[in-house]
Amino acid sequence: MEYMHRTSITEEIQKALPEAIVFKIFNTIPETLLDVSKWTSGHVPPVLLAGGSSNSVDIARKLIKDAGFVPKYAGYNLGDSGLLERLGVLPHRLAENEVHGDANIAFDVFQRKA
């Protein structure tokens, strides 16, 4: 966790491959829940993403949609990818302390009607 407060894996990949277009995607949902058929309610959690470029966001969104999820874009700043990495740890903490080891949990994004 200390490492995650200084940098992110995504930022380190971008440093190592400066010409690459890098995103942080699919890390806030446990891998056991990446199969949309497991969401029996028909309501799937959003997939949060950050990074990329103005020319690449639509491609990343399509990848997420093709997997059956709804993309929620947090912006181009790869510095924010660390927020998503730390958020990806939270379901594990909740599983340990709140839901008796069941890691089959995910977050949602709601917008209140005006």
Protein backbone atom coordinates (compact mmCIF):
# COMPACT_ATOMS: atom_id res chain seq x y z
CA MET A 1 0.00 0.00 0.00
CA GLU A 2 2.88 2.38 0.69
CA TYR A 3 3.97 2.05 -2.94
CA MET A 4 0.44 2.94 -4.06
CA HIS A 5 0.64 6.26 -2.24
CA ARG A 6 3.77 7.29 -4.17
CA THR A 7 2.92 6.15 -7.68
CA SER A 8 0.79 3.68 -9.59
CA ILE A 9 1.58 0.65 -11.68
CA THR A 10 -0.07 2.43 -14.60
CA GLU A 11 2.22 5.45 -14.23
CA GLU A 12 5.26 3.17 -14.10
CA ILE A 13 4.16 1.41 -17.29
CA GLN A 14 3.77 4.81 -18.97
CA LYS A 15 7.31 5.77 -17.87
CA ALA A 16 8.73 2.53 -19.24
CA LEU A 17 6.77 2.85 -22.51
CA PRO A 18 6.47 6.61 -23.10
CA GLU A 19 5.00 6.24 -26.60
CA ALA A 20 2.27 3.84 -25.44
CA ILE A 21 -1.31 4.90 -24.77
CA VAL A 22 -1.98 3.57 -21.28
CA PHE A 23 -5.25 3.15 -19.38
CA LYS A 24 -6.17 1.88 -15.95
CA ILE A 25 -9.20 -0.38 -16.55
CA PHE A 26 -10.91 -3.39 -14.94
CA ASN A 27 -9.18 -3.30 -11.57
CA THR A 28 -12.08 -2.25 -9.33
CA ILE A 29 -14.04 -5.46 -9.93
CA PRO A 30 -12.73 -8.81 -8.60
CA GLU A 31 -11.74 -11.16 -11.40
CA THR A 32 -14.38 -13.63 -10.20
CA LEU A 33 -17.05 -11.11 -11.25
CA LEU A 34 -15.77 -10.15 -14.69
CA ASP A 35 -18.16 -12.68 -16.23
CA VAL A 36 -21.33 -10.60 -16.73
CA SER A 37 -23.47 -13.75 -16.62
CA LYS A 38 -22.75 -13.90 -12.87
CA TRP A 39 -24.80 -10.74 -12.40
CA THR A 40 -28.21 -12.39 -12.23
CA SER A 41 -30.03 -9.15 -11.51
CA GLY A 42 -29.14 -7.85 -14.97
CA HIS A 43 -27.49 -4.88 -13.30
CA VAL A 44 -23.74 -4.92 -13.74
CA PRO A 45 -21.32 -2.62 -11.94
CA PRO A 46 -19.57 0.08 -13.92
CA VAL A 47 -15.98 -0.33 -15.01
CA LEU A 48 -13.97 2.73 -14.04
CA LEU A 49 -11.16 3.84 -16.31
CA ALA A 50 -8.54 6.59 -16.40
CA GLY A 51 -5.79 7.58 -18.81
CA GLY A 52 -5.47 7.34 -22.53
CA SER A 53 -5.78 10.16 -25.02
CA SER A 54 -8.66 11.94 -26.73
CA ASN A 55 -8.23 9.60 -29.71
CA SER A 56 -8.28 6.41 -27.64
CA VAL A 57 -11.04 6.79 -25.06
CA ASP A 58 -13.77 5.56 -27.41
CA ILE A 59 -11.77 2.39 -28.10
CA ALA A 60 -11.39 1.72 -24.37
CA ARG A 61 -15.10 2.39 -23.81
CA LYS A 62 -15.95 -0.08 -26.60
CA LEU A 63 -13.73 -2.74 -25.02
CA ILE A 64 -15.62 -2.34 -21.74
CA LYS A 65 -19.02 -2.37 -23.46
CA ASP A 66 -18.05 -5.45 -25.50
CA ALA A 67 -17.30 -7.20 -22.19
CA GLY A 68 -20.85 -6.38 -21.09
CA PHE A 69 -20.10 -3.57 -18.64
CA VAL A 70 -20.80 0.16 -18.53
CA PRO A 71 -17.71 2.44 -18.75
CA LYS A 72 -17.29 5.39 -16.38
CA TYR A 73 -14.39 7.62 -17.42
CA ALA A 74 -12.40 9.41 -14.70
CA GLY A 75 -10.24 11.49 -17.08
CA TYR A 76 -6.89 11.54 -18.85
CA ASN A 77 -4.68 12.10 -15.81
CA LEU A 78 -2.73 8.89 -15.18
CA GLY A 79 -1.92 10.31 -11.74
CA ASP A 80 -5.52 9.43 -10.92
CA SER A 81 -4.92 5.79 -11.83
CA GLY A 82 -3.50 5.36 -8.34
CA LEU A 83 -6.95 6.20 -6.97
CA LEU A 84 -8.42 3.36 -8.99
CA GLU A 85 -5.66 0.99 -7.85
CA ARG A 86 -6.35 1.80 -4.20
CA LEU A 87 -10.10 1.49 -4.79
CA GLY A 88 -9.39 -1.97 -6.19
CA VAL A 89 -8.02 -2.98 -2.77
CA LEU A 90 -11.17 -1.89 -0.92
CA PRO A 91 -13.37 -4.88 -1.93
CA HIS A 92 -10.74 -7.18 -0.41
CA ARG A 93 -10.81 -5.20 2.84
CA LEU A 94 -14.61 -5.34 2.88
CA ALA A 95 -14.50 -9.07 2.20
CA GLU A 96 -12.15 -9.59 5.14
CA ASN A 97 -14.02 -7.39 7.60
CA GLU A 98 -17.65 -7.09 6.56
CA VAL A 99 -18.87 -9.91 4.33
CA HIS A 100 -17.08 -12.89 5.89
CA GLY A 101 -14.55 -13.48 3.15
CA ASP A 102 -16.96 -13.23 0.23
CA ALA A 103 -15.03 -11.18 -2.35
CA ASN A 104 -17.96 -11.18 -4.77
CA ILE A 105 -18.69 -7.49 -4.25
CA ALA A 106 -18.32 -4.47 -6.50
CA PHE A 107 -19.03 -0.75 -6.38
CA ASP A 108 -21.57 1.22 -8.33
CA VAL A 109 -21.84 4.86 -9.41
CA PHE A 110 -25.18 6.58 -8.91
CA GLN A 111 -26.26 9.99 -10.09
CA ARG A 112 -29.10 11.66 -8.24
CA LYS A 113 -31.83 13.15 -10.36
CA ALA A 114 -31.99 16.94 -10.12
